[in-house]
Amino acid sequence: MTLVEPTLETIFAPDPPERLIGDRAYDSDPLDAQLAEQGIEMIAPHRRNRKKPKTQDGRQLRRYRRRWKVERLFAWLGNFRRLAIRYERHLENYLGFVHLSCILILLRYL
């Protein structure tokens, strides 16, 4: 939760994201209020030991359920040794290998 703000400050996109999806560790009312001031909607399932009333319903959590696709892609990219160790010094070469590995993953699961 403490790294959310520094991460949002280093975004490469011209506009801030509309939604931020996190796991149970990001269930915090102060964080929700802080992101709402910036116009960002925080989507995170509630912790099991939450004392305050729930703030999210099932509609928002449907987006959270699809989060596994992105995490699965990062896990598959970790199987490519050249990406995990980062032999390439130049960003263009490294990004080329990321694209190539994404193509290989796509072809493998078609």
PDB file of N, CA and C in Angstrom:
ATOM      1  N   MET A   1       0.825  -1.187   0.000  1.00  0.00           N
ATOM      2  CA  MET A   1       0.000   0.000   0.000  1.00  0.00           C
ATOM      3  C   MET A   1       0.870   1.252   0.000  1.00  0.00           C
ATOM      4  N   THR A   2       2.050   1.181   0.556  1.00  0.00           N
ATOM      5  CA  THR A   2       2.900   2.368   0.640  1.00  0.00           C
ATOM      6  C   THR A   2       3.530   2.718  -0.696  1.00  0.00           C
ATOM      7  N   LEU A   3       3.564   1.788  -1.634  1.00  0.00           N
ATOM      8  CA  LEU A   3       4.205   2.045  -2.918  1.00  0.00           C
ATOM      9  C   LEU A   3       3.237   2.493  -4.001  1.00  0.00           C
ATOM     10  N   VAL A   4       1.972   2.650  -3.674  1.00  0.00           N
ATOM     11  CA  VAL A   4       0.989   3.042  -4.687  1.00  0.00           C
ATOM     12  C   VAL A   4       1.281   4.438  -5.212  1.00  0.00           C
ATOM     13  N   GLU A   5       1.505   5.371  -4.336  1.00  0.00           N
ATOM     14  CA  GLU A   5       1.724   6.758  -4.748  1.00  0.00           C
ATOM     15  C   GLU A   5       3.009   6.918  -5.572  1.00  0.00           C
ATOM     16  N   PRO A   6       4.160   6.360  -5.146  1.00  0.00           N
ATOM     17  CA  PRO A   6       5.353   6.483  -5.991  1.00  0.00           C
ATOM     18  C   PRO A   6       5.198   5.802  -7.348  1.00  0.00           C
ATOM     19  N   THR A   7       4.444   4.707  -7.384  1.00  0.00           N
ATOM     20  CA  THR A   7       4.224   4.026  -8.651  1.00  0.00           C
ATOM     21  C   THR A   7       3.381   4.884  -9.588  1.00  0.00           C
ATOM     22  N   LEU A   8       2.345   5.520  -9.071  1.00  0.00           N
ATOM     23  CA  LEU A   8       1.502   6.369  -9.903  1.00  0.00           C
ATOM     24  C   LEU A   8       2.246   7.614 -10.387  1.00  0.00           C
ATOM     25  N   GLU A   9       3.244   8.062  -9.632  1.00  0.00           N
ATOM     26  CA  GLU A   9       4.015   9.229 -10.061  1.00  0.00           C
ATOM     27  C   GLU A   9       4.937   8.909 -11.230  1.00  0.00           C
ATOM     28  N   THR A  10       5.346   7.644 -11.375  1.00  0.00           N
ATOM     29  CA  THR A  10       6.257   7.258 -12.452  1.00  0.00           C
ATOM     30  C   THR A  10       5.548   6.651 -13.647  1.00  0.00           C
ATOM     31  N   ILE A  11       4.280   6.926 -13.815  1.00  0.00           N
ATOM     32  CA  ILE A  11       3.510   6.385 -14.941  1.00  0.00           C
ATOM     33  C   ILE A  11       3.977   7.023 -16.244  1.00  0.00           C
ATOM     34  N   PHE A  12       4.081   6.213 -17.293  1.00  0.00           N
ATOM     35  CA  PHE A  12       4.502   6.705 -18.598  1.00  0.00           C
ATOM     36  C   PHE A  12       3.341   7.232 -19.425  1.00  0.00           C
ATOM     37  N   ALA A  13       2.130   6.866 -19.068  1.00  0.00           N
ATOM     38  CA  ALA A  13       0.951   7.277 -19.832  1.00  0.00           C
ATOM     39  C   ALA A  13       0.667   8.765 -19.598  1.00  0.00           C
ATOM     40  N   PRO A  14       0.092   9.432 -20.585  1.00  0.00           N
ATOM     41  CA  PRO A  14      -0.187  10.857 -20.416  1.00  0.00           C
ATOM     42  C   PRO A  14      -1.282  11.141 -19.383  1.00  0.00           C
ATOM     43  N   ASP A  15      -2.235  10.239 -19.237  1.00  0.00           N
ATOM     44  CA  ASP A  15      -3.340  10.421 -18.294  1.00  0.00           C
ATOM     45  C   ASP A  15      -3.247   9.376 -17.183  1.00  0.00           C
ATOM     46  N   PRO A  16      -3.703   9.702 -15.989  1.00  0.00           N
ATOM     47  CA  PRO A  16      -3.721   8.680 -14.931  1.00  0.00           C
ATOM     48  C   PRO A  16      -4.777   7.617 -15.238  1.00  0.00           C
ATOM     49  N   PRO A  17      -4.630   6.427 -14.685  1.00  0.00           N
ATOM     50  CA  PRO A  17      -5.616   5.375 -14.966  1.00  0.00           C
ATOM     51  C   PRO A  17      -6.961   5.699 -14.328  1.00  0.00           C
ATOM     52  N   GLU A  18      -8.017   5.149 -14.908  1.00  0.00           N
ATOM     53  CA  GLU A  18      -9.355   5.332 -14.339  1.00  0.00           C
ATOM     54  C   GLU A  18      -9.568   4.412 -13.145  1.00  0.00           C
ATOM     55  N   ARG A  19      -8.985   3.207 -13.220  1.00  0.00           N
ATOM     56  CA  ARG A  19      -9.163   2.214 -12.163  1.00  0.00           C
ATOM     57  C   ARG A  19      -7.815   1.603 -11.802  1.00  0.00           C
ATOM     58  N   LEU A  20      -7.693   1.214 -10.559  1.00  0.00           N
ATOM     59  CA  LEU A  20      -6.508   0.524 -10.076  1.00  0.00           C
ATOM     60  C   LEU A  20      -6.986  -0.746  -9.401  1.00  0.00           C
ATOM     61  N   ILE A  21      -6.491  -1.890  -9.846  1.00  0.00           N
ATOM     62  CA  ILE A  21      -6.937  -3.171  -9.308  1.00  0.00           C
ATOM     63  C   ILE A  21      -5.821  -3.757  -8.465  1.00  0.00           C
ATOM     64  N   GLY A  22      -6.131  -4.110  -7.219  1.00  0.00           N
ATOM     65  CA  GLY A  22      -5.145  -4.681  -6.315  1.00  0.00           C
ATOM     66  C   GLY A  22      -5.718  -5.849  -5.549  1.00  0.00           C
ATOM     67  N   ASP A  23      -4.859  -6.513  -4.806  1.00  0.00           N
ATOM     68  CA  ASP A  23      -5.337  -7.650  -4.022  1.00  0.00           C
ATOM     69  C   ASP A  23      -5.811  -7.181  -2.643  1.00  0.00           C
ATOM     70  N   ARG A  24      -6.020  -8.113  -1.725  1.00  0.00           N
ATOM     71  CA  ARG A  24      -6.593  -7.777  -0.417  1.00  0.00           C
ATOM     72  C   ARG A  24      -5.726  -6.816   0.398  1.00  0.00           C
ATOM     73  N   ALA A  25      -4.441  -6.767   0.113  1.00  0.00           N
ATOM     74  CA  ALA A  25      -3.561  -5.877   0.874  1.00  0.00           C
ATOM     75  C   ALA A  25      -3.871  -4.407   0.606  1.00  0.00           C
ATOM     76  N   TYR A  26      -4.522  -4.117  -0.491  1.00  0.00           N
ATOM     77  CA  TYR A  26      -4.836  -2.734  -0.853  1.00  0.00           C
ATOM     78  C   TYR A  26      -6.206  -2.291  -0.351  1.00  0.00           C
ATOM     79  N   ASP A  27      -6.840  -3.078   0.479  1.00  0.00           N
ATOM     80  CA  ASP A  27      -8.132  -2.704   1.054  1.00  0.00           C
ATOM     81  C   ASP A  27      -7.892  -1.723   2.196  1.00  0.00           C
ATOM     82  N   SER A  28      -7.981  -0.437   1.882  1.00  0.00           N
ATOM     83  CA  SER A  28      -7.736   0.601   2.871  1.00  0.00           C
ATOM     84  C   SER A  28      -8.619   1.797   2.541  1.00  0.00           C
ATOM     85  N   ASP A  29      -9.392   2.246   3.513  1.00  0.00           N
ATOM     86  CA  ASP A  29     -10.251   3.401   3.287  1.00  0.00           C
ATOM     87  C   ASP A  29      -9.461   4.689   3.054  1.00  0.00           C
ATOM     88  N   PRO A  30      -8.344   4.946   3.764  1.00  0.00           N
ATOM     89  CA  PRO A  30      -7.564   6.148   3.445  1.00  0.00           C
ATOM     90  C   PRO A  30      -6.980   6.118   2.033  1.00  0.00           C
ATOM     91  N   LEU A  31      -6.552   4.930   1.586  1.00  0.00           N
ATOM     92  CA  LEU A  31      -6.035   4.819   0.218  1.00  0.00           C
ATOM     93  C   LEU A  31      -7.143   5.053  -0.794  1.00  0.00           C
ATOM     94  N   ASP A  32      -8.329   4.513  -0.529  1.00  0.00           N
ATOM     95  CA  ASP A  32      -9.471   4.752  -1.416  1.00  0.00           C
ATOM     96  C   ASP A  32      -9.776   6.241  -1.522  1.00  0.00           C
ATOM     97  N   ALA A  33      -9.764   6.937  -0.402  1.00  0.00           N
ATOM     98  CA  ALA A  33     -10.061   8.373  -0.410  1.00  0.00           C
ATOM     99  C   ALA A  33      -8.974   9.157  -1.133  1.00  0.00           C
ATOM    100  N   GLN A  34      -7.731   8.767  -0.928  1.00  0.00           N
ATOM    101  CA  GLN A  34      -6.618   9.458  -1.576  1.00  0.00           C
ATOM    102  C   GLN A  34      -6.670   9.282  -3.094  1.00  0.00           C
ATOM    103  N   LEU A  35      -6.977   8.075  -3.546  1.00  0.00           N
ATOM    104  CA  LEU A  35      -7.072   7.834  -4.988  1.00  0.00           C
ATOM    105  C   LEU A  35      -8.318   8.475  -5.575  1.00  0.00           C
ATOM    106  N   ALA A  36      -9.398   8.542  -4.804  1.00  0.00           N
ATOM    107  CA  ALA A  36     -10.626   9.174  -5.299  1.00  0.00           C
ATOM    108  C   ALA A  36     -10.411  10.668  -5.537  1.00  0.00           C
ATOM    109  N   GLU A  37      -9.549  11.299  -4.746  1.00  0.00           N
ATOM    110  CA  GLU A  37      -9.232  12.717  -4.979  1.00  0.00           C
ATOM    111  C   GLU A  37      -8.543  12.912  -6.327  1.00  0.00           C
ATOM    112  N   GLN A  38      -7.783  11.912  -6.753  1.00  0.00           N
ATOM    113  CA  GLN A  38      -7.089  11.984  -8.036  1.00  0.00           C
ATOM    114  C   GLN A  38      -7.959  11.491  -9.191  1.00  0.00           C
ATOM    115  N   GLY A  39      -9.159  11.003  -8.888  1.00  0.00           N
ATOM    116  CA  GLY A  39     -10.060  10.506  -9.922  1.00  0.00           C
ATOM    117  C   GLY A  39      -9.807   9.064 -10.300  1.00  0.00           C
ATOM    118  N   ILE A  40      -9.198   8.293  -9.402  1.00  0.00           N
ATOM    119  CA  ILE A  40      -8.885   6.891  -9.661  1.00  0.00           C
ATOM    120  C   ILE A  40      -9.761   6.030  -8.761  1.00  0.00           C
ATOM    121  N   GLU A  41     -10.387   5.033  -9.354  1.00  0.00           N
ATOM    122  CA  GLU A  41     -11.240   4.116  -8.592  1.00  0.00           C
ATOM    123  C   GLU A  41     -10.411   2.908  -8.176  1.00  0.00           C
ATOM    124  N   MET A  42     -10.370   2.607  -6.892  1.00  0.00           N
ATOM    125  CA  MET A  42      -9.623   1.469  -6.371  1.00  0.00           C
ATOM    126  C   MET A  42     -10.532   0.264  -6.289  1.00  0.00           C
ATOM    127  N   ILE A  43     -10.124  -0.836  -6.919  1.00  0.00           N
ATOM    128  CA  ILE A  43     -10.888  -2.075  -6.895  1.00  0.00           C
ATOM    129  C   ILE A  43     -10.030  -3.124  -6.201  1.00  0.00           C
ATOM    130  N   ALA A  44     -10.453  -3.532  -5.025  1.00  0.00           N
ATOM    131  CA  ALA A  44      -9.749  -4.554  -4.257  1.00  0.00           C
ATOM    132  C   ALA A  44     -10.762  -5.274  -3.379  1.00  0.00           C
ATOM    133  N   PRO A  45     -10.663  -6.597  -3.289  1.00  0.00           N
ATOM    134  CA  PRO A  45     -11.581  -7.299  -2.402  1.00  0.00           C
ATOM    135  C   PRO A  45     -11.295  -6.939  -0.948  1.00  0.00           C
ATOM    136  N   HIS A  46     -12.322  -7.004  -0.131  1.00  0.00           N
ATOM    137  CA  HIS A  46     -12.163  -6.637   1.267  1.00  0.00           C
ATOM    138  C   HIS A  46     -11.443  -7.736   2.032  1.00  0.00           C
ATOM    139  N   ARG A  47     -10.722  -7.319   3.061  1.00  0.00           N
ATOM    140  CA  ARG A  47     -10.071  -8.290   3.927  1.00  0.00           C
ATOM    141  C   ARG A  47     -11.130  -9.025   4.737  1.00  0.00           C
ATOM    142  N   ARG A  48     -10.785 -10.190   5.174  1.00  0.00           N
ATOM    143  CA  ARG A  48     -11.766 -10.993   5.915  1.00  0.00           C
ATOM    144  C   ARG A  48     -12.033 -10.433   7.306  1.00  0.00           C
ATOM    145  N   ASN A  49     -11.036  -9.766   7.864  1.00  0.00           N
ATOM    146  CA  ASN A  49     -11.208  -9.232   9.215  1.00  0.00           C
ATOM    147  C   ASN A  49     -11.555  -7.746   9.209  1.00  0.00           C
ATOM    148  N   ARG A  50     -12.204  -7.287   8.174  1.00  0.00           N
ATOM    149  CA  ARG A  50     -12.560  -5.877   8.056  1.00  0.00           C
ATOM    150  C   ARG A  50     -13.625  -5.520   9.088  1.00  0.00           C
ATOM    151  N   LYS A  51     -13.396  -4.454   9.840  1.00  0.00           N
ATOM    152  CA  LYS A  51     -14.314  -4.039  10.886  1.00  0.00           C
ATOM    153  C   LYS A  51     -15.390  -3.089  10.364  1.00  0.00           C
ATOM    154  N   LYS A  52     -15.007  -2.235   9.418  1.00  0.00           N
ATOM    155  CA  LYS A  52     -15.952  -1.251   8.881  1.00  0.00           C
ATOM    156  C   LYS A  52     -16.863  -1.906   7.848  1.00  0.00           C
ATOM    157  N   PRO A  53     -17.985  -1.277   7.527  1.00  0.00           N
ATOM    158  CA  PRO A  53     -18.880  -1.861   6.527  1.00  0.00           C
ATOM    159  C   PRO A  53     -18.230  -1.901   5.149  1.00  0.00           C
ATOM    160  N   LYS A  54     -18.705  -2.825   4.333  1.00  0.00           N
ATOM    161  CA  LYS A  54     -18.156  -2.995   2.990  1.00  0.00           C
ATOM    162  C   LYS A  54     -18.441  -1.768   2.133  1.00  0.00           C
ATOM    163  N   THR A  55     -17.492  -1.451   1.263  1.00  0.00           N
ATOM    164  CA  THR A  55     -17.649  -0.299   0.375  1.00  0.00           C
ATOM    165  C   THR A  55     -17.789  -0.706  -1.080  1.00  0.00           C
ATOM    166  N   GLN A  56     -17.551  -1.977  -1.406  1.00  0.00           N
ATOM    167  CA  GLN A  56     -17.640  -2.424  -2.788  1.00  0.00           C
ATOM    168  C   GLN A  56     -18.652  -3.544  -2.910  1.00  0.00           C
ATOM    169  N   ASP A  57     -19.328  -3.526  -4.044  1.00  0.00           N
ATOM    170  CA  ASP A  57     -20.264  -4.605  -4.310  1.00  0.00           C
ATOM    171  C   ASP A  57     -19.653  -5.540  -5.350  1.00  0.00           C
ATOM    172  N   GLY A  58     -20.402  -6.508  -5.777  1.00  0.00           N
ATOM    173  CA  GLY A  58     -19.889  -7.509  -6.698  1.00  0.00           C
ATOM    174  C   GLY A  58     -19.611  -7.009  -8.102  1.00  0.00           C
ATOM    175  N   ARG A  59     -20.236  -5.898  -8.494  1.00  0.00           N
ATOM    176  CA  ARG A  59     -20.034  -5.398  -9.855  1.00  0.00           C
ATOM    177  C   ARG A  59     -18.593  -4.973 -10.092  1.00  0.00           C
ATOM    178  N   GLN A  60     -18.002  -4.293  -9.125  1.00  0.00           N
ATOM    179  CA  GLN A  60     -16.627  -3.853  -9.297  1.00  0.00           C
ATOM    180  C   GLN A  60     -15.654  -5.021  -9.212  1.00  0.00           C
ATOM    181  N   LEU A  61     -15.975  -6.002  -8.415  1.00  0.00           N
ATOM    182  CA  LEU A  61     -15.060  -7.117  -8.225  1.00  0.00           C
ATOM    183  C   LEU A  61     -15.020  -8.055  -9.423  1.00  0.00           C
ATOM    184  N   ARG A  62     -15.932  -7.899 -10.377  1.00  0.00           N
ATOM    185  CA  ARG A  62     -15.850  -8.694 -11.602  1.00  0.00           C
ATOM    186  C   ARG A  62     -14.582  -8.363 -12.369  1.00  0.00           C
ATOM    187  N   ARG A  63     -14.173  -7.120 -12.306  1.00  0.00           N
ATOM    188  CA  ARG A  63     -12.916  -6.724 -12.950  1.00  0.00           C
ATOM    189  C   ARG A  63     -11.731  -7.387 -12.245  1.00  0.00           C
ATOM    190  N   TYR A  64     -11.819  -7.544 -10.938  1.00  0.00           N
ATOM    191  CA  TYR A  64     -10.742  -8.166 -10.181  1.00  0.00           C
ATOM    192  C   TYR A  64     -10.571  -9.628 -10.584  1.00  0.00           C
ATOM    193  N   ARG A  65     -11.635 -10.294 -10.914  1.00  0.00           N
ATOM    194  CA  ARG A  65     -11.556 -11.704 -11.274  1.00  0.00           C
ATOM    195  C   ARG A  65     -10.758 -11.932 -12.547  1.00  0.00           C
ATOM    196  N   ARG A  66     -10.748 -10.949 -13.441  1.00  0.00           N
ATOM    197  CA  ARG A  66     -10.003 -11.091 -14.695  1.00  0.00           C
ATOM    198  C   ARG A  66      -8.535 -10.716 -14.542  1.00  0.00           C
ATOM    199  N   ARG A  67      -8.127 -10.333 -13.359  1.00  0.00           N
ATOM    200  CA  ARG A  67      -6.757  -9.919 -13.100  1.00  0.00           C
ATOM    201  C   ARG A  67      -5.761 -11.066 -13.283  1.00  0.00           C
ATOM    202  N   TRP A  68      -6.214 -12.288 -13.151  1.00  0.00           N
ATOM    203  CA  TRP A  68      -5.339 -13.441 -13.249  1.00  0.00           C
ATOM    204  C   TRP A  68      -4.693 -13.541 -14.619  1.00  0.00           C
ATOM    205  N   LYS A  69      -5.346 -13.007 -15.653  1.00  0.00           N
ATOM    206  CA  LYS A  69      -4.783 -13.090 -17.003  1.00  0.00           C
ATOM    207  C   LYS A  69      -3.471 -12.327 -17.093  1.00  0.00           C
ATOM    208  N   VAL A  70      -3.419 -11.166 -16.504  1.00  0.00           N
ATOM    209  CA  VAL A  70      -2.203 -10.367 -16.529  1.00  0.00           C
ATOM    210  C   VAL A  70      -1.121 -11.028 -15.674  1.00  0.00           C
ATOM    211  N   GLU A  71      -1.477 -11.509 -14.501  1.00  0.00           N
ATOM    212  CA  GLU A  71      -0.503 -12.162 -13.642  1.00  0.00           C
ATOM    213  C   GLU A  71       0.025 -13.445 -14.277  1.00  0.00           C
ATOM    214  N   ARG A  72      -0.828 -14.156 -14.981  1.00  0.00           N
ATOM    215  CA  ARG A  72      -0.409 -15.376 -15.660  1.00  0.00           C
ATOM    216  C   ARG A  72       0.598 -15.055 -16.762  1.00  0.00           C
ATOM    217  N   LEU A  73       0.374 -13.960 -17.496  1.00  0.00           N
ATOM    218  CA  LEU A  73       1.308 -13.559 -18.544  1.00  0.00           C
ATOM    219  C   LEU A  73       2.688 -13.265 -17.954  1.00  0.00           C
ATOM    220  N   PHE A  74       2.735 -12.551 -16.832  1.00  0.00           N
ATOM    221  CA  PHE A  74       4.028 -12.269 -16.210  1.00  0.00           C
ATOM    222  C   PHE A  74       4.708 -13.553 -15.744  1.00  0.00           C
ATOM    223  N   ALA A  75       3.935 -14.518 -15.277  1.00  0.00           N
ATOM    224  CA  ALA A  75       4.509 -15.798 -14.874  1.00  0.00           C
ATOM    225  C   ALA A  75       5.078 -16.532 -16.083  1.00  0.00           C
ATOM    226  N   TRP A  76       4.370 -16.503 -17.202  1.00  0.00           N
ATOM    227  CA  TRP A  76       4.872 -17.148 -18.418  1.00  0.00           C
ATOM    228  C   TRP A  76       6.111 -16.437 -18.950  1.00  0.00           C
ATOM    229  N   LEU A  77       6.151 -15.113 -18.843  1.00  0.00           N
ATOM    230  CA  LEU A  77       7.337 -14.382 -19.288  1.00  0.00           C
ATOM    231  C   LEU A  77       8.544 -14.710 -18.416  1.00  0.00           C
ATOM    232  N   GLY A  78       8.303 -15.062 -17.171  1.00  0.00           N
ATOM    233  CA  GLY A  78       9.404 -15.448 -16.290  1.00  0.00           C
ATOM    234  C   GLY A  78      10.056 -16.751 -16.685  1.00  0.00           C
ATOM    235  N   ASN A  79       9.404 -17.546 -17.527  1.00  0.00           N
ATOM    236  CA  ASN A  79       9.995 -18.803 -17.995  1.00  0.00           C
ATOM    237  C   ASN A  79      11.060 -18.576 -19.057  1.00  0.00           C
ATOM    238  N   PHE A  80      11.115 -17.412 -19.631  1.00  0.00           N
ATOM    239  CA  PHE A  80      12.135 -17.098 -20.626  1.00  0.00           C
ATOM    240  C   PHE A  80      13.344 -16.524 -19.894  1.00  0.00           C
ATOM    241  N   ARG A  81      14.418 -17.271 -19.903  1.00  0.00           N
ATOM    242  CA  ARG A  81      15.590 -16.908 -19.116  1.00  0.00           C
ATOM    243  C   ARG A  81      16.167 -15.564 -19.541  1.00  0.00           C
ATOM    244  N   ARG A  82      16.137 -15.288 -20.816  1.00  0.00           N
ATOM    245  CA  ARG A  82      16.711 -14.046 -21.316  1.00  0.00           C
ATOM    246  C   ARG A  82      15.967 -12.834 -20.762  1.00  0.00           C
ATOM    247  N   LEU A  83      14.668 -12.974 -20.494  1.00  0.00           N
ATOM    248  CA  LEU A  83      13.900 -11.872 -19.913  1.00  0.00           C
ATOM    249  C   LEU A  83      14.063 -11.806 -18.399  1.00  0.00           C
ATOM    250  N   ALA A  84      14.130 -12.965 -17.763  1.00  0.00           N
ATOM    251  CA  ALA A  84      14.218 -12.980 -16.305  1.00  0.00           C
ATOM    252  C   ALA A  84      15.558 -12.416 -15.814  1.00  0.00           C
ATOM    253  N   ILE A  85      16.632 -12.710 -16.535  1.00  0.00           N
ATOM    254  CA  ILE A  85      17.958 -12.265 -16.117  1.00  0.00           C
ATOM    255  C   ILE A  85      18.310 -10.920 -16.739  1.00  0.00           C
ATOM    256  N   ARG A  86      17.709 -10.594 -17.847  1.00  0.00           N
ATOM    257  CA  ARG A  86      17.931  -9.364 -18.599  1.00  0.00           C
ATOM    258  C   ARG A  86      19.390  -9.229 -19.030  1.00  0.00           C
ATOM    259  N   TYR A  87      19.723 -10.042 -20.020  1.00  0.00           N
ATOM    260  CA  TYR A  87      21.050  -9.973 -20.608  1.00  0.00           C
ATOM    261  C   TYR A  87      21.229  -8.714 -21.447  1.00  0.00           C
ATOM    262  N   GLU A  88      20.143  -8.240 -22.033  1.00  0.00           N
ATOM    263  CA  GLU A  88      20.218  -7.098 -22.949  1.00  0.00           C
ATOM    264  C   GLU A  88      20.398  -5.801 -22.186  1.00  0.00           C
ATOM    265  N   ARG A  89      21.337  -4.993 -22.633  1.00  0.00           N
ATOM    266  CA  ARG A  89      21.564  -3.701 -21.995  1.00  0.00           C
ATOM    267  C   ARG A  89      20.684  -2.620 -22.587  1.00  0.00           C
ATOM    268  N   HIS A  90      20.402  -2.726 -23.867  1.00  0.00           N
ATOM    269  CA  HIS A  90      19.625  -1.697 -24.550  1.00  0.00           C
ATOM    270  C   HIS A  90      18.136  -2.012 -24.443  1.00  0.00           C
ATOM    271  N   LEU A  91      17.372  -0.975 -24.189  1.00  0.00           N
ATOM    272  CA  LEU A  91      15.935  -1.139 -23.991  1.00  0.00           C
ATOM    273  C   LEU A  91      15.248  -1.677 -25.242  1.00  0.00           C
ATOM    274  N   GLU A  92      15.675  -1.234 -26.405  1.00  0.00           N
ATOM    275  CA  GLU A  92      15.051  -1.684 -27.656  1.00  0.00           C
ATOM    276  C   GLU A  92      15.218  -3.184 -27.852  1.00  0.00           C
ATOM    277  N   ASN A  93      16.400  -3.708 -27.554  1.00  0.00           N
ATOM    278  CA  ASN A  93      16.639  -5.148 -27.693  1.00  0.00           C
ATOM    279  C   ASN A  93      15.797  -5.934 -26.692  1.00  0.00           C
ATOM    280  N   TYR A  94      15.745  -5.443 -25.451  1.00  0.00           N
ATOM    281  CA  TYR A  94      14.970  -6.122 -24.427  1.00  0.00           C
ATOM    282  C   TYR A  94      13.491  -6.124 -24.783  1.00  0.00           C
ATOM    283  N   LEU A  95      12.985  -4.992 -25.250  1.00  0.00           N
ATOM    284  CA  LEU A  95      11.578  -4.906 -25.636  1.00  0.00           C
ATOM    285  C   LEU A  95      11.286  -5.820 -26.827  1.00  0.00           C
ATOM    286  N   GLY A  96      12.243  -5.953 -27.732  1.00  0.00           N
ATOM    287  CA  GLY A  96      12.076  -6.889 -28.846  1.00  0.00           C
ATOM    288  C   GLY A  96      11.937  -8.323 -28.368  1.00  0.00           C
ATOM    289  N   PHE A  97      12.736  -8.701 -27.372  1.00  0.00           N
ATOM    290  CA  PHE A  97      12.618 -10.049 -26.828  1.00  0.00           C
ATOM    291  C   PHE A  97      11.317 -10.234 -26.044  1.00  0.00           C
ATOM    292  N   VAL A  98      10.827  -9.187 -25.418  1.00  0.00           N
ATOM    293  CA  VAL A  98       9.517  -9.273 -24.758  1.00  0.00           C
ATOM    294  C   VAL A  98       8.429  -9.524 -25.792  1.00  0.00           C
ATOM    295  N   HIS A  99       8.487  -8.802 -26.902  1.00  0.00           N
ATOM    296  CA  HIS A  99       7.497  -9.012 -27.974  1.00  0.00           C
ATOM    297  C   HIS A  99       7.608 -10.423 -28.542  1.00  0.00           C
ATOM    298  N   LEU A 100       8.843 -10.870 -28.776  1.00  0.00           N
ATOM    299  CA  LEU A 100       9.043 -12.213 -29.318  1.00  0.00           C
ATOM    300  C   LEU A 100       8.513 -13.280 -28.368  1.00  0.00           C
ATOM    301  N   SER A 101       8.752 -13.130 -27.083  1.00  0.00           N
ATOM    302  CA  SER A 101       8.257 -14.122 -26.129  1.00  0.00           C
ATOM    303  C   SER A 101       6.730 -14.083 -26.028  1.00  0.00           C
ATOM    304  N   CYS A 102       6.133 -12.896 -26.151  1.00  0.00           N
ATOM    305  CA  CYS A 102       4.664 -12.817 -26.163  1.00  0.00           C
ATOM    306  C   CYS A 102       4.092 -13.520 -27.381  1.00  0.00           C
ATOM    307  N   ILE A 103       4.771 -13.387 -28.515  1.00  0.00           N
ATOM    308  CA  ILE A 103       4.327 -14.093 -29.728  1.00  0.00           C
ATOM    309  C   ILE A 103       4.432 -15.593 -29.526  1.00  0.00           C
ATOM    310  N   LEU A 104       5.526 -16.056 -28.939  1.00  0.00           N
ATOM    311  CA  LEU A 104       5.685 -17.486 -28.690  1.00  0.00           C
ATOM    312  C   LEU A 104       4.616 -18.005 -27.721  1.00  0.00           C
ATOM    313  N   ILE A 105       4.319 -17.253 -26.704  1.00  0.00           N
ATOM    314  CA  ILE A 105       3.257 -17.652 -25.752  1.00  0.00           C
ATOM    315  C   ILE A 105       1.917 -17.724 -26.471  1.00  0.00           C
ATOM    316  N   LEU A 106       1.646 -16.745 -27.307  1.00  0.00           N
ATOM    317  CA  LEU A 106       0.388 -16.737 -28.056  1.00  0.00           C
ATOM    318  C   LEU A 106       0.278 -17.931 -28.974  1.00  0.00           C
ATOM    319  N   LEU A 107       1.352 -18.240 -29.699  1.00  0.00           N
ATOM    320  CA  LEU A 107       1.333 -19.378 -30.616  1.00  0.00           C
ATOM    321  C   LEU A 107       1.232 -20.698 -29.870  1.00  0.00           C
ATOM    322  N   ARG A 108       1.786 -20.753 -28.687  1.00  0.00           N
ATOM    323  CA  ARG A 108       1.754 -21.989 -27.904  1.00  0.00           C
ATOM    324  C   ARG A 108       0.349 -22.324 -27.437  1.00  0.00           C
ATOM    325  N   TYR A 109      -0.443 -21.294 -27.127  1.00  0.00           N
ATOM    326  CA  TYR A 109      -1.768 -21.520 -26.549  1.00  0.00           C
ATOM    327  C   TYR A 109      -2.899 -21.293 -27.538  1.00  0.00           C
ATOM    328  N   LEU A 110      -2.607 -21.248 -28.810  1.00  0.00           N
ATOM    329  CA  LEU A 110      -3.678 -21.161 -29.812  1.00  0.00           C
ATOM    330  C   LEU A 110      -4.180 -22.522 -30.204  1.00  0.00           C
TER     331      LEU A 110
END
